[in-house]
N, C-alpha and C. Protein backbone atom coordinates (compact mmCIF):
# COMPACT_ATOMS: atom_id res chain seq x y z
N UNK A 1 2.12 12.78 -34.77
CA UNK A 1 1.65 13.60 -33.68
C UNK A 1 0.37 14.26 -34.13
N UNK A 2 -0.63 14.20 -33.32
CA UNK A 2 -1.93 14.74 -33.70
C UNK A 2 -1.97 16.22 -33.37
N UNK A 3 -2.44 17.00 -34.29
CA UNK A 3 -2.56 18.44 -34.09
C UNK A 3 -3.96 18.77 -33.61
N UNK A 4 -4.27 20.04 -33.66
CA UNK A 4 -5.57 20.49 -33.22
C UNK A 4 -6.64 20.02 -34.19
N UNK A 5 -7.69 19.45 -33.67
CA UNK A 5 -8.79 19.00 -34.50
C UNK A 5 -8.59 17.62 -35.08
N UNK A 6 -7.41 17.04 -34.92
CA UNK A 6 -7.16 15.70 -35.45
C UNK A 6 -7.27 14.70 -34.30
N UNK A 7 -7.73 13.52 -34.61
CA UNK A 7 -7.81 12.49 -33.58
C UNK A 7 -6.54 11.66 -33.60
N UNK A 8 -6.04 11.38 -32.45
CA UNK A 8 -4.81 10.59 -32.34
C UNK A 8 -5.17 9.12 -32.38
N UNK A 9 -4.32 8.34 -33.02
CA UNK A 9 -4.53 6.90 -33.10
C UNK A 9 -3.79 6.27 -31.93
N UNK A 10 -4.53 5.89 -30.89
CA UNK A 10 -3.88 5.32 -29.71
C UNK A 10 -3.68 3.82 -29.83
N UNK A 11 -4.22 3.21 -30.84
CA UNK A 11 -4.07 1.77 -31.00
C UNK A 11 -2.66 1.40 -31.45
N UNK A 12 -1.91 2.34 -32.00
CA UNK A 12 -0.57 2.02 -32.47
C UNK A 12 0.47 2.09 -31.35
N UNK A 13 0.11 2.64 -30.19
CA UNK A 13 1.05 2.77 -29.07
C UNK A 13 1.07 1.50 -28.25
N UNK A 14 1.74 1.58 -27.13
CA UNK A 14 1.79 0.40 -26.25
C UNK A 14 0.40 0.06 -25.72
N UNK A 15 0.23 -1.19 -25.39
CA UNK A 15 -1.07 -1.65 -24.89
C UNK A 15 -1.37 -0.98 -23.55
N UNK A 16 -2.60 -0.59 -23.32
CA UNK A 16 -2.94 0.04 -22.04
C UNK A 16 -2.81 -0.96 -20.89
N UNK A 17 -2.51 -0.45 -19.74
CA UNK A 17 -2.36 -1.31 -18.58
C UNK A 17 -3.71 -1.87 -18.18
N UNK A 18 -3.71 -3.12 -17.81
CA UNK A 18 -4.92 -3.76 -17.31
C UNK A 18 -4.88 -3.69 -15.79
N UNK A 19 -5.76 -2.91 -15.23
CA UNK A 19 -5.79 -2.78 -13.77
C UNK A 19 -6.81 -3.73 -13.18
N UNK A 20 -6.39 -4.43 -12.15
CA UNK A 20 -7.32 -5.29 -11.45
C UNK A 20 -7.95 -4.51 -10.32
N UNK A 21 -9.18 -4.79 -10.05
CA UNK A 21 -9.86 -4.15 -8.94
C UNK A 21 -9.56 -4.96 -7.69
N UNK A 22 -9.00 -4.29 -6.69
CA UNK A 22 -8.66 -4.96 -5.46
C UNK A 22 -9.86 -5.00 -4.54
N UNK A 23 -10.05 -6.13 -3.93
CA UNK A 23 -11.15 -6.25 -2.98
C UNK A 23 -10.67 -5.79 -1.61
N UNK A 24 -11.51 -5.07 -0.92
CA UNK A 24 -11.17 -4.61 0.42
C UNK A 24 -11.30 -5.78 1.40
N UNK A 25 -10.37 -5.83 2.33
CA UNK A 25 -10.40 -6.87 3.35
C UNK A 25 -11.21 -6.33 4.52
N UNK A 26 -12.24 -7.02 4.93
CA UNK A 26 -13.04 -6.53 6.06
C UNK A 26 -12.22 -6.48 7.35
N UNK A 27 -12.55 -5.51 8.19
CA UNK A 27 -11.82 -5.34 9.45
C UNK A 27 -11.96 -6.57 10.33
N UNK A 28 -13.05 -7.28 10.21
CA UNK A 28 -13.24 -8.47 11.04
C UNK A 28 -12.16 -9.51 10.77
N UNK A 29 -11.75 -9.63 9.50
CA UNK A 29 -10.72 -10.61 9.17
C UNK A 29 -9.34 -10.12 9.58
N UNK A 30 -9.13 -8.81 9.52
CA UNK A 30 -7.83 -8.27 9.89
C UNK A 30 -7.59 -8.47 11.38
N UNK A 31 -8.58 -8.19 12.19
CA UNK A 31 -8.43 -8.28 13.64
C UNK A 31 -8.88 -9.62 14.18
N UNK A 32 -9.07 -10.60 13.32
CA UNK A 32 -9.43 -11.96 13.70
C UNK A 32 -10.71 -12.01 14.52
N UNK A 33 -11.67 -11.19 14.14
CA UNK A 33 -12.95 -11.18 14.83
C UNK A 33 -14.04 -11.87 14.00
N UNK A 34 -13.65 -12.44 12.88
CA UNK A 34 -14.60 -13.08 11.99
C UNK A 34 -15.13 -14.36 12.65
N UNK A 35 -16.35 -14.70 12.34
CA UNK A 35 -16.92 -15.92 12.91
C UNK A 35 -16.09 -17.13 12.52
N UNK A 36 -15.85 -18.00 13.45
CA UNK A 36 -15.11 -19.22 13.16
C UNK A 36 -13.62 -19.09 13.36
N UNK A 37 -13.10 -17.88 13.56
CA UNK A 37 -11.67 -17.69 13.79
C UNK A 37 -11.49 -17.28 15.24
N UNK A 38 -11.05 -18.21 16.06
CA UNK A 38 -10.85 -17.93 17.47
C UNK A 38 -9.38 -18.14 17.82
N UNK A 39 -8.81 -17.17 18.51
CA UNK A 39 -7.46 -17.34 19.01
C UNK A 39 -7.51 -18.15 20.29
N UNK A 40 -6.55 -19.01 20.52
CA UNK A 40 -6.50 -19.69 21.80
C UNK A 40 -6.33 -18.66 22.92
N UNK A 41 -6.87 -18.95 24.07
CA UNK A 41 -6.86 -17.97 25.15
C UNK A 41 -5.45 -17.62 25.60
N UNK A 42 -4.51 -18.56 25.56
CA UNK A 42 -3.13 -18.27 25.96
C UNK A 42 -2.50 -17.29 24.99
N UNK A 43 -2.67 -17.52 23.70
CA UNK A 43 -2.10 -16.63 22.68
C UNK A 43 -2.73 -15.24 22.81
N UNK A 44 -4.03 -15.18 22.99
CA UNK A 44 -4.71 -13.88 23.15
C UNK A 44 -4.17 -13.15 24.37
N UNK A 45 -3.99 -13.88 25.48
CA UNK A 45 -3.45 -13.29 26.69
C UNK A 45 -2.04 -12.77 26.47
N UNK A 46 -1.19 -13.56 25.81
CA UNK A 46 0.19 -13.14 25.57
C UNK A 46 0.25 -11.92 24.65
N UNK A 47 -0.62 -11.87 23.66
CA UNK A 47 -0.64 -10.70 22.76
C UNK A 47 -1.06 -9.45 23.53
N UNK A 48 -2.07 -9.57 24.36
CA UNK A 48 -2.52 -8.42 25.14
C UNK A 48 -1.43 -7.96 26.10
N UNK A 49 -0.76 -8.90 26.77
CA UNK A 49 0.33 -8.54 27.68
C UNK A 49 1.47 -7.88 26.91
N UNK A 50 1.80 -8.40 25.75
CA UNK A 50 2.88 -7.82 24.95
C UNK A 50 2.53 -6.39 24.51
N UNK A 51 1.29 -6.16 24.12
CA UNK A 51 0.88 -4.81 23.70
C UNK A 51 0.94 -3.86 24.89
N UNK A 52 0.46 -4.29 26.05
CA UNK A 52 0.52 -3.44 27.24
C UNK A 52 1.97 -3.16 27.66
N UNK A 53 2.83 -4.15 27.57
CA UNK A 53 4.24 -3.94 27.89
C UNK A 53 4.88 -2.97 26.91
N UNK A 54 4.52 -3.08 25.65
CA UNK A 54 5.04 -2.15 24.64
C UNK A 54 4.58 -0.72 24.89
N UNK A 55 3.32 -0.56 25.30
CA UNK A 55 2.82 0.78 25.62
C UNK A 55 3.54 1.35 26.85
N UNK A 56 3.77 0.53 27.85
CA UNK A 56 4.48 0.99 29.04
C UNK A 56 5.92 1.38 28.70
N UNK A 57 6.57 0.59 27.86
CA UNK A 57 7.93 0.89 27.45
C UNK A 57 7.97 2.18 26.64
N UNK A 58 7.00 2.38 25.76
CA UNK A 58 6.94 3.61 24.98
C UNK A 58 6.70 4.82 25.88
N UNK A 59 5.88 4.66 26.91
CA UNK A 59 5.63 5.76 27.84
C UNK A 59 6.91 6.10 28.61
N UNK A 60 7.67 5.09 29.03
CA UNK A 60 8.92 5.35 29.73
C UNK A 60 9.92 6.06 28.82
N UNK A 61 10.01 5.64 27.58
CA UNK A 61 10.91 6.32 26.65
C UNK A 61 10.50 7.77 26.43
N UNK A 62 9.19 8.02 26.34
CA UNK A 62 8.71 9.39 26.17
C UNK A 62 9.07 10.24 27.37
N UNK A 63 8.95 9.69 28.57
CA UNK A 63 9.31 10.44 29.77
C UNK A 63 10.80 10.73 29.81
N UNK A 64 11.62 9.75 29.46
CA UNK A 64 13.07 9.95 29.45
C UNK A 64 13.46 11.01 28.44
N UNK A 65 12.79 11.03 27.30
CA UNK A 65 13.15 11.99 26.25
C UNK A 65 12.70 13.40 26.57
N UNK A 66 11.65 13.57 27.38
CA UNK A 66 11.10 14.91 27.59
C UNK A 66 11.46 15.52 28.93
N UNK A 67 11.70 14.74 29.96
CA UNK A 67 11.96 15.27 31.31
C UNK A 67 13.46 15.35 31.54
N UNK A 68 13.92 16.51 32.01
CA UNK A 68 15.33 16.65 32.37
C UNK A 68 15.42 16.81 33.89
N UNK A 69 16.24 16.01 34.55
CA UNK A 69 16.35 16.11 36.00
C UNK A 69 17.08 17.39 36.41
N UNK A 70 16.71 17.93 37.54
CA UNK A 70 17.36 19.13 38.07
C UNK A 70 18.33 18.71 39.17
N UNK A 71 19.64 18.95 39.00
CA UNK A 71 20.59 18.55 40.02
C UNK A 71 20.42 19.41 41.28
N UNK A 72 20.56 18.79 42.42
CA UNK A 72 20.46 19.50 43.69
C UNK A 72 21.33 18.79 44.72
N UNK A 73 21.66 19.54 45.75
CA UNK A 73 22.52 19.00 46.79
C UNK A 73 21.71 18.17 47.77
N UNK A 74 22.29 17.06 48.21
CA UNK A 74 21.58 16.20 49.13
C UNK A 74 22.49 15.87 50.31
N UNK A 75 21.95 15.97 51.51
CA UNK A 75 22.70 15.60 52.72
C UNK A 75 21.89 14.59 53.51
N UNK A 76 22.61 13.62 54.08
CA UNK A 76 21.95 12.61 54.88
C UNK A 76 22.84 12.32 56.09
N UNK A 77 22.24 12.38 57.24
CA UNK A 77 23.03 12.12 58.45
C UNK A 77 23.10 10.61 58.69
N UNK A 78 24.32 10.20 59.09
CA UNK A 78 24.56 8.80 59.36
C UNK A 78 24.95 8.67 60.82
N UNK A 79 24.38 7.72 61.49
CA UNK A 79 24.67 7.47 62.89
C UNK A 79 26.14 7.06 63.01
N UNK A 80 26.92 7.69 63.89
CA UNK A 80 28.35 7.35 64.00
C UNK A 80 28.59 5.90 64.43
N UNK A 81 27.68 5.29 65.13
CA UNK A 81 27.85 3.90 65.53
C UNK A 81 27.85 2.95 64.33
N UNK A 82 27.17 3.32 63.30
CA UNK A 82 27.16 2.48 62.08
C UNK A 82 28.48 2.57 61.32
N UNK A 83 29.19 3.69 61.49
CA UNK A 83 30.47 3.86 60.80
C UNK A 83 31.58 3.06 61.46
N UNK A 84 31.50 2.82 62.75
CA UNK A 84 32.56 2.13 63.48
C UNK A 84 32.52 0.61 63.34
N UNK A 85 31.57 0.07 62.76
CA UNK A 85 31.45 -1.39 62.65
C UNK A 85 32.46 -1.98 61.73
């Protein structure tokens, strides 16, 4: 153990970790906007429809979770001739 003023010998310990430098992936490749990468129009359409449907479903769930209905009395008159049929 190295004390004050002494240099520690780090070569006798475990080998230092070799870290690789990760390359960043450009946003164009992530979102398939890179030149030469084209989605077929049907697949693109289905993906857009699926995303919109998911957003609509999420909005409905948010409304269900936050809005509480208020119970109230309801009356509706029915024509007596319809009851006799």
